[in-house]
Amino acid sequence: MTLEVETPDPPELSFVDPNEYEDATISADDPTEVDYRREELQAFLEEGAWEEAFATWAADTDLEPREFEIAREMDLFAEFDFFWDDFADRVGYHAPGVAEDWREREYHPDLDSWGTVSAINAELTEFGQIVCETLKEEYIDWEAEYEPPEDLPDFD
């Protein structure tokens, strides 16, 4: 099903150690010295990667317009984070979502069921993955700088 809505603005990426997220892990001796290439990723998002990924996602999402509006009104799209994971040669991401305490906190008046919360969270995760794939396949032209140690066993 196609979701026909206006593309939200891309997020403003800032330094956050991805290891602080529950859904991301980056291997590094000193995470403060890792180049997550957020400035370059921000430029790519603004140059069209965000809009391309959104169009791809919107063409196939199961999110209903009402659920999309809840996510937009909660400003969840602005809470995405993208970062370069040199060790894995990929774009990593953190997808925002509606917290488990949504009933107690009353985040949004139209949040009325776990089904709605689950749909929003699942589709935001899917969208984040599509943004990462779009960035890697269409925009990123650098190679990972990580060099594995030479003493790793050969599994061939």
N, C-alpha and C. Protein backbone atom coordinates (compact mmCIF):
# COMPACT_ATOMS: atom_id res chain seq x y z
N MET A 1 0.83 -1.17 0.00
CA MET A 1 0.00 0.00 0.00
C MET A 1 0.89 1.25 0.00
N THR A 2 0.54 2.22 -0.77
CA THR A 2 1.33 3.45 -0.86
C THR A 2 0.81 4.48 0.14
N LEU A 3 1.72 5.02 0.87
CA LEU A 3 1.40 6.09 1.82
C LEU A 3 1.69 7.41 1.13
N GLU A 4 0.66 8.17 0.85
CA GLU A 4 0.83 9.43 0.14
C GLU A 4 0.81 10.60 1.12
N VAL A 5 1.99 10.94 1.58
CA VAL A 5 2.17 12.02 2.56
C VAL A 5 3.42 12.82 2.18
N GLU A 6 3.55 13.98 2.78
CA GLU A 6 4.73 14.80 2.54
C GLU A 6 5.93 14.22 3.30
N THR A 7 7.07 14.23 2.66
CA THR A 7 8.29 13.73 3.29
C THR A 7 8.70 14.64 4.44
N PRO A 8 8.90 14.07 5.63
CA PRO A 8 9.38 14.90 6.75
C PRO A 8 10.83 15.33 6.49
N ASP A 9 11.26 16.36 7.16
CA ASP A 9 12.65 16.81 7.04
C ASP A 9 13.59 15.75 7.59
N PRO A 10 14.80 15.67 7.03
CA PRO A 10 15.77 14.73 7.59
C PRO A 10 16.20 15.16 8.99
N PRO A 11 16.67 14.22 9.78
CA PRO A 11 17.13 14.57 11.14
C PRO A 11 18.43 15.36 11.08
N GLU A 12 18.71 16.08 12.16
CA GLU A 12 19.99 16.76 12.33
C GLU A 12 20.88 15.80 13.13
N LEU A 13 21.91 15.27 12.49
CA LEU A 13 22.78 14.30 13.15
C LEU A 13 23.78 15.02 14.05
N SER A 14 23.97 14.49 15.24
CA SER A 14 24.94 15.06 16.17
C SER A 14 25.68 13.91 16.83
N PHE A 15 26.77 14.24 17.53
CA PHE A 15 27.57 13.17 18.10
C PHE A 15 26.84 12.50 19.27
N VAL A 16 26.61 11.24 19.09
CA VAL A 16 26.12 10.36 20.14
C VAL A 16 26.93 9.08 19.97
N ASP A 17 27.45 8.55 21.04
CA ASP A 17 28.15 7.28 20.95
C ASP A 17 27.10 6.20 20.68
N PRO A 18 27.14 5.55 19.51
CA PRO A 18 26.13 4.54 19.19
C PRO A 18 26.02 3.41 20.22
N ASN A 19 27.07 3.18 20.97
CA ASN A 19 27.01 2.13 21.99
C ASN A 19 26.05 2.48 23.13
N GLU A 20 25.63 3.74 23.19
CA GLU A 20 24.65 4.14 24.19
C GLU A 20 23.25 3.66 23.85
N TYR A 21 23.02 3.33 22.57
CA TYR A 21 21.72 2.83 22.15
C TYR A 21 21.59 1.35 22.49
N GLU A 22 20.40 0.93 22.81
CA GLU A 22 20.17 -0.49 23.09
C GLU A 22 20.22 -1.33 21.81
N ASP A 23 19.99 -0.70 20.66
CA ASP A 23 19.88 -1.43 19.41
C ASP A 23 21.09 -1.28 18.49
N ALA A 24 22.23 -0.80 19.02
CA ALA A 24 23.43 -0.64 18.19
C ALA A 24 24.67 -0.92 19.02
N THR A 25 25.64 -1.56 18.39
CA THR A 25 26.92 -1.82 19.04
C THR A 25 28.02 -1.59 18.02
N ILE A 26 28.99 -0.78 18.39
CA ILE A 26 30.14 -0.50 17.54
C ILE A 26 31.37 -0.96 18.28
N SER A 27 32.20 -1.74 17.62
CA SER A 27 33.44 -2.20 18.23
C SER A 27 34.51 -1.13 18.05
N ALA A 28 35.01 -0.64 19.15
CA ALA A 28 36.08 0.35 19.11
C ALA A 28 36.74 0.42 20.47
N ASP A 29 38.06 0.59 20.47
CA ASP A 29 38.77 0.72 21.74
C ASP A 29 38.38 2.01 22.44
N ASP A 30 38.30 3.10 21.67
CA ASP A 30 37.92 4.39 22.23
C ASP A 30 36.88 5.02 21.31
N PRO A 31 35.58 4.87 21.65
CA PRO A 31 34.52 5.39 20.79
C PRO A 31 34.59 6.89 20.54
N THR A 32 35.25 7.65 21.43
CA THR A 32 35.33 9.09 21.22
C THR A 32 36.28 9.44 20.08
N GLU A 33 37.13 8.50 19.68
CA GLU A 33 38.06 8.75 18.58
C GLU A 33 37.61 8.14 17.27
N VAL A 34 36.44 7.55 17.23
CA VAL A 34 35.93 6.94 16.01
C VAL A 34 35.27 8.01 15.16
N ASP A 35 35.54 7.97 13.85
CA ASP A 35 34.91 8.91 12.93
C ASP A 35 33.63 8.27 12.42
N TYR A 36 32.50 8.73 12.94
CA TYR A 36 31.21 8.19 12.52
C TYR A 36 30.69 8.85 11.25
N ARG A 37 31.44 9.79 10.72
CA ARG A 37 31.17 10.45 9.44
C ARG A 37 29.77 11.06 9.38
N ARG A 38 29.33 11.57 10.49
CA ARG A 38 27.98 12.14 10.55
C ARG A 38 27.83 13.37 9.65
N GLU A 39 28.87 14.19 9.54
CA GLU A 39 28.76 15.38 8.68
C GLU A 39 28.51 14.97 7.23
N GLU A 40 29.26 13.99 6.76
CA GLU A 40 29.06 13.52 5.38
C GLU A 40 27.69 12.87 5.21
N LEU A 41 27.28 12.07 6.18
CA LEU A 41 25.97 11.44 6.10
C LEU A 41 24.86 12.49 6.12
N GLN A 42 25.02 13.52 6.95
CA GLN A 42 24.05 14.61 6.99
C GLN A 42 23.92 15.26 5.62
N ALA A 43 25.05 15.51 4.98
CA ALA A 43 25.03 16.12 3.64
C ALA A 43 24.30 15.22 2.65
N PHE A 44 24.57 13.93 2.69
CA PHE A 44 23.90 12.99 1.78
C PHE A 44 22.39 12.97 2.03
N LEU A 45 21.99 12.99 3.29
CA LEU A 45 20.56 13.01 3.61
C LEU A 45 19.91 14.26 3.01
N GLU A 46 20.57 15.38 3.17
CA GLU A 46 20.02 16.64 2.67
C GLU A 46 20.07 16.74 1.14
N GLU A 47 21.03 16.04 0.52
CA GLU A 47 21.17 16.06 -0.94
C GLU A 47 20.16 15.16 -1.64
N GLY A 48 19.42 14.35 -0.88
CA GLY A 48 18.41 13.53 -1.53
C GLY A 48 18.26 12.12 -1.02
N ALA A 49 19.21 11.63 -0.25
CA ALA A 49 19.12 10.24 0.22
C ALA A 49 17.88 10.03 1.09
N TRP A 50 17.60 11.00 1.95
CA TRP A 50 16.44 10.90 2.84
C TRP A 50 15.15 10.82 2.02
N GLU A 51 15.03 11.72 1.06
CA GLU A 51 13.82 11.77 0.24
C GLU A 51 13.68 10.51 -0.62
N GLU A 52 14.78 10.04 -1.19
CA GLU A 52 14.74 8.79 -1.99
C GLU A 52 14.30 7.61 -1.13
N ALA A 53 14.90 7.50 0.05
CA ALA A 53 14.56 6.39 0.95
C ALA A 53 13.10 6.49 1.39
N PHE A 54 12.66 7.70 1.66
CA PHE A 54 11.28 7.89 2.10
C PHE A 54 10.31 7.46 1.00
N ALA A 55 10.60 7.82 -0.23
CA ALA A 55 9.74 7.44 -1.36
C ALA A 55 9.69 5.92 -1.50
N THR A 56 10.82 5.27 -1.36
CA THR A 56 10.87 3.81 -1.44
C THR A 56 10.04 3.19 -0.32
N TRP A 57 10.25 3.68 0.89
CA TRP A 57 9.53 3.17 2.05
C TRP A 57 8.03 3.43 1.94
N ALA A 58 7.65 4.65 1.58
CA ALA A 58 6.24 5.03 1.51
C ALA A 58 5.48 4.22 0.46
N ALA A 59 6.18 3.78 -0.57
CA ALA A 59 5.53 3.01 -1.64
C ALA A 59 5.12 1.62 -1.16
N ASP A 60 5.73 1.16 -0.07
CA ASP A 60 5.49 -0.22 0.34
C ASP A 60 5.16 -0.39 1.83
N THR A 61 5.05 0.70 2.56
CA THR A 61 4.82 0.60 4.00
C THR A 61 3.41 0.11 4.33
N ASP A 62 3.29 -0.52 5.46
CA ASP A 62 1.98 -0.92 5.98
C ASP A 62 1.42 0.13 6.93
N LEU A 63 2.15 1.20 7.14
CA LEU A 63 1.70 2.24 8.06
C LEU A 63 0.52 3.00 7.47
N GLU A 64 -0.51 3.13 8.27
CA GLU A 64 -1.71 3.88 7.86
C GLU A 64 -1.43 5.38 7.99
N PRO A 65 -2.12 6.22 7.23
CA PRO A 65 -1.92 7.68 7.34
C PRO A 65 -2.09 8.20 8.77
N ARG A 66 -3.03 7.67 9.50
CA ARG A 66 -3.26 8.08 10.90
C ARG A 66 -2.03 7.77 11.75
N GLU A 67 -1.45 6.59 11.56
CA GLU A 67 -0.26 6.19 12.32
C GLU A 67 0.94 7.06 11.93
N PHE A 68 1.05 7.35 10.63
CA PHE A 68 2.13 8.23 10.16
C PHE A 68 2.01 9.60 10.83
N GLU A 69 0.80 10.14 10.87
CA GLU A 69 0.59 11.45 11.48
C GLU A 69 0.97 11.45 12.96
N ILE A 70 0.68 10.37 13.65
CA ILE A 70 1.09 10.27 15.06
C ILE A 70 2.62 10.36 15.16
N ALA A 71 3.31 9.58 14.33
CA ALA A 71 4.78 9.58 14.35
C ALA A 71 5.32 10.96 13.98
N ARG A 72 4.71 11.59 12.99
CA ARG A 72 5.16 12.92 12.57
C ARG A 72 4.91 13.95 13.67
N GLU A 73 3.73 13.91 14.27
CA GLU A 73 3.40 14.86 15.33
C GLU A 73 4.27 14.65 16.57
N MET A 74 4.69 13.43 16.80
CA MET A 74 5.59 13.15 17.93
C MET A 74 7.04 13.50 17.58
N ASP A 75 7.27 13.93 16.34
CA ASP A 75 8.59 14.34 15.85
C ASP A 75 9.58 13.18 15.85
N LEU A 76 9.08 11.97 15.64
CA LEU A 76 9.95 10.79 15.67
C LEU A 76 10.95 10.77 14.52
N PHE A 77 10.58 11.27 13.36
CA PHE A 77 11.51 11.25 12.22
C PHE A 77 12.74 12.09 12.50
N ALA A 78 12.61 13.12 13.30
CA ALA A 78 13.75 13.97 13.65
C ALA A 78 14.70 13.28 14.63
N GLU A 79 14.26 12.19 15.24
CA GLU A 79 15.08 11.50 16.24
C GLU A 79 15.93 10.37 15.67
N PHE A 80 15.87 10.14 14.37
CA PHE A 80 16.73 9.12 13.78
C PHE A 80 18.19 9.53 13.93
N ASP A 81 19.05 8.54 14.03
CA ASP A 81 20.49 8.78 14.02
C ASP A 81 21.12 7.80 13.04
N PHE A 82 22.05 8.30 12.26
CA PHE A 82 22.79 7.48 11.30
C PHE A 82 24.27 7.73 11.53
N PHE A 83 25.07 6.68 11.39
CA PHE A 83 26.50 6.79 11.65
C PHE A 83 27.23 5.72 10.84
N TRP A 84 28.47 6.02 10.53
CA TRP A 84 29.30 5.07 9.79
C TRP A 84 29.92 4.08 10.77
N ASP A 85 29.75 2.80 10.46
CA ASP A 85 30.34 1.71 11.25
C ASP A 85 31.47 1.15 10.41
N ASP A 86 32.67 1.68 10.61
CA ASP A 86 33.82 1.30 9.80
C ASP A 86 34.16 -0.17 9.94
N PHE A 87 34.02 -0.71 11.14
CA PHE A 87 34.34 -2.10 11.41
C PHE A 87 33.51 -3.04 10.55
N ALA A 88 32.23 -2.72 10.37
CA ALA A 88 31.32 -3.57 9.60
C ALA A 88 31.14 -3.06 8.16
N ASP A 89 31.78 -1.94 7.80
CA ASP A 89 31.66 -1.37 6.46
C ASP A 89 30.19 -1.16 6.09
N ARG A 90 29.49 -0.44 6.99
CA ARG A 90 28.06 -0.21 6.78
C ARG A 90 27.64 1.09 7.45
N VAL A 91 26.45 1.53 7.08
CA VAL A 91 25.83 2.64 7.79
C VAL A 91 24.99 2.02 8.90
N GLY A 92 25.23 2.44 10.11
CA GLY A 92 24.43 1.99 11.23
C GLY A 92 23.37 3.03 11.53
N TYR A 93 22.38 2.64 12.29
CA TYR A 93 21.33 3.59 12.62
C TYR A 93 20.66 3.25 13.93
N HIS A 94 20.01 4.27 14.46
CA HIS A 94 19.14 4.11 15.62
C HIS A 94 17.79 4.66 15.21
N ALA A 95 16.79 3.81 15.28
CA ALA A 95 15.42 4.23 14.94
C ALA A 95 14.70 4.64 16.21
N PRO A 96 14.04 5.76 16.18
CA PRO A 96 13.23 6.17 17.33
C PRO A 96 11.98 5.30 17.41
N GLY A 97 11.28 5.41 18.48
CA GLY A 97 10.03 4.66 18.61
C GLY A 97 9.22 5.17 19.78
N VAL A 98 8.02 4.67 19.86
CA VAL A 98 7.13 5.00 20.96
C VAL A 98 7.53 4.12 22.14
N ALA A 99 7.75 4.73 23.28
CA ALA A 99 8.21 4.00 24.47
C ALA A 99 7.12 3.08 25.02
N GLU A 100 7.56 2.07 25.75
CA GLU A 100 6.64 1.08 26.32
C GLU A 100 5.67 1.69 27.33
N ASP A 101 6.04 2.81 27.91
CA ASP A 101 5.16 3.44 28.90
C ASP A 101 4.21 4.45 28.26
N TRP A 102 3.86 4.23 27.01
CA TRP A 102 3.04 5.18 26.26
C TRP A 102 1.69 5.46 26.92
N ARG A 103 1.13 4.48 27.58
CA ARG A 103 -0.17 4.72 28.24
C ARG A 103 -0.03 5.66 29.43
N GLU A 104 0.97 5.41 30.26
CA GLU A 104 1.17 6.22 31.45
C GLU A 104 1.57 7.64 31.11
N ARG A 105 2.39 7.79 30.11
CA ARG A 105 2.92 9.11 29.77
C ARG A 105 2.00 9.91 28.85
N GLU A 106 1.08 9.26 28.21
CA GLU A 106 0.16 9.93 27.29
C GLU A 106 0.92 10.80 26.29
N TYR A 107 1.81 10.14 25.51
CA TYR A 107 2.63 10.83 24.52
C TYR A 107 1.81 11.53 23.45
N HIS A 108 0.72 10.90 23.05
CA HIS A 108 -0.09 11.45 21.97
C HIS A 108 -1.54 11.01 22.18
N PRO A 109 -2.50 11.90 21.99
CA PRO A 109 -3.89 11.54 22.27
C PRO A 109 -4.46 10.44 21.36
N ASP A 110 -3.88 10.25 20.17
CA ASP A 110 -4.39 9.23 19.25
C ASP A 110 -3.70 7.87 19.41
N LEU A 111 -2.73 7.78 20.32
CA LEU A 111 -2.14 6.46 20.61
C LEU A 111 -3.15 5.72 21.46
N ASP A 112 -3.71 4.66 20.89
CA ASP A 112 -4.81 4.00 21.59
C ASP A 112 -4.67 2.49 21.73
N SER A 113 -3.60 1.92 21.16
CA SER A 113 -3.45 0.47 21.27
C SER A 113 -1.99 0.06 21.06
N TRP A 114 -1.69 -1.15 21.55
CA TRP A 114 -0.35 -1.71 21.31
C TRP A 114 -0.15 -1.95 19.83
N GLY A 115 -1.23 -2.24 19.11
CA GLY A 115 -1.13 -2.45 17.67
C GLY A 115 -0.62 -1.20 16.96
N THR A 116 -1.12 -0.06 17.35
CA THR A 116 -0.67 1.21 16.76
C THR A 116 0.79 1.47 17.12
N VAL A 117 1.13 1.29 18.38
CA VAL A 117 2.51 1.49 18.83
C VAL A 117 3.45 0.54 18.10
N SER A 118 3.08 -0.72 18.00
CA SER A 118 3.92 -1.71 17.32
C SER A 118 4.09 -1.39 15.85
N ALA A 119 3.01 -0.97 15.20
CA ALA A 119 3.08 -0.64 13.77
C ALA A 119 4.04 0.54 13.55
N ILE A 120 3.92 1.57 14.37
CA ILE A 120 4.80 2.73 14.23
C ILE A 120 6.25 2.32 14.45
N ASN A 121 6.52 1.59 15.52
CA ASN A 121 7.89 1.20 15.83
C ASN A 121 8.49 0.31 14.75
N ALA A 122 7.72 -0.66 14.28
CA ALA A 122 8.22 -1.59 13.25
C ALA A 122 8.50 -0.85 11.94
N GLU A 123 7.61 0.03 11.57
CA GLU A 123 7.79 0.73 10.30
C GLU A 123 8.91 1.77 10.36
N LEU A 124 9.12 2.38 11.50
CA LEU A 124 10.26 3.29 11.64
C LEU A 124 11.57 2.53 11.55
N THR A 125 11.61 1.34 12.10
CA THR A 125 12.81 0.49 11.99
C THR A 125 13.05 0.13 10.52
N GLU A 126 12.01 -0.24 9.83
CA GLU A 126 12.12 -0.57 8.41
C GLU A 126 12.61 0.63 7.61
N PHE A 127 12.05 1.79 7.90
CA PHE A 127 12.48 3.01 7.20
C PHE A 127 13.97 3.28 7.45
N GLY A 128 14.42 3.16 8.68
CA GLY A 128 15.83 3.36 9.00
C GLY A 128 16.74 2.46 8.18
N GLN A 129 16.33 1.20 8.03
CA GLN A 129 17.11 0.26 7.24
C GLN A 129 17.17 0.69 5.77
N ILE A 130 16.06 1.17 5.24
CA ILE A 130 16.03 1.62 3.85
C ILE A 130 16.92 2.85 3.67
N VAL A 131 16.92 3.76 4.64
CA VAL A 131 17.81 4.92 4.56
C VAL A 131 19.26 4.45 4.52
N CYS A 132 19.63 3.51 5.37
CA CYS A 132 21.00 2.98 5.40
C CYS A 132 21.38 2.37 4.06
N GLU A 133 20.49 1.57 3.51
CA GLU A 133 20.76 0.92 2.22
C GLU A 133 20.90 1.96 1.11
N THR A 134 20.06 2.96 1.12
CA THR A 134 20.13 4.02 0.10
C THR A 134 21.46 4.77 0.21
N LEU A 135 21.84 5.12 1.43
CA LEU A 135 23.11 5.80 1.64
C LEU A 135 24.27 4.96 1.12
N LYS A 136 24.33 3.71 1.51
CA LYS A 136 25.45 2.83 1.15
C LYS A 136 25.51 2.56 -0.35
N GLU A 137 24.34 2.30 -0.95
CA GLU A 137 24.32 1.92 -2.36
C GLU A 137 24.42 3.10 -3.32
N GLU A 138 23.88 4.24 -2.94
CA GLU A 138 23.76 5.35 -3.89
C GLU A 138 24.66 6.55 -3.59
N TYR A 139 25.15 6.68 -2.37
CA TYR A 139 25.85 7.91 -2.00
C TYR A 139 27.27 7.69 -1.51
N ILE A 140 27.51 6.67 -0.76
CA ILE A 140 28.82 6.47 -0.14
C ILE A 140 29.80 5.89 -1.15
N ASP A 141 30.94 6.56 -1.29
CA ASP A 141 31.97 6.07 -2.21
C ASP A 141 33.29 5.80 -1.49
N TRP A 142 33.24 5.77 -0.17
CA TRP A 142 34.46 5.49 0.58
C TRP A 142 34.49 4.02 0.98
N GLU A 143 35.66 3.57 1.28
CA GLU A 143 35.87 2.19 1.73
C GLU A 143 36.14 2.20 3.23
N ALA A 144 35.82 1.10 3.86
CA ALA A 144 36.14 0.97 5.28
C ALA A 144 37.64 1.03 5.46
N GLU A 145 38.06 1.69 6.52
CA GLU A 145 39.48 1.80 6.81
C GLU A 145 39.96 0.73 7.78
N TYR A 146 39.03 -0.01 8.34
CA TYR A 146 39.39 -1.04 9.31
C TYR A 146 40.20 -2.14 8.64
N GLU A 147 41.30 -2.47 9.23
CA GLU A 147 42.14 -3.56 8.74
C GLU A 147 42.15 -4.65 9.81
N PRO A 148 41.61 -5.83 9.50
CA PRO A 148 41.61 -6.90 10.50
C PRO A 148 43.03 -7.37 10.78
N PRO A 149 43.27 -7.85 11.97
CA PRO A 149 44.61 -8.36 12.30
C PRO A 149 44.97 -9.53 11.38
N GLU A 150 46.25 -9.63 11.09
CA GLU A 150 46.70 -10.68 10.18
C GLU A 150 46.67 -12.07 10.81
N ASP A 151 46.55 -12.15 12.12
CA ASP A 151 46.60 -13.45 12.78
C ASP A 151 45.22 -14.08 12.96
N LEU A 152 44.21 -13.57 12.27
CA LEU A 152 42.89 -14.19 12.34
C LEU A 152 42.90 -15.54 11.65
N PRO A 153 42.19 -16.52 12.15
CA PRO A 153 42.17 -17.82 11.50
C PRO A 153 41.49 -17.74 10.13
N ASP A 154 41.92 -18.59 9.23
CA ASP A 154 41.34 -18.67 7.89
C ASP A 154 40.23 -19.72 7.92
N PHE A 155 39.00 -19.31 7.66
CA PHE A 155 37.85 -20.21 7.74
C PHE A 155 37.47 -20.80 6.40
N ASP A 156 38.27 -20.61 5.39
CA ASP A 156 37.94 -21.16 4.06
C ASP A 156 38.08 -22.65 4.00
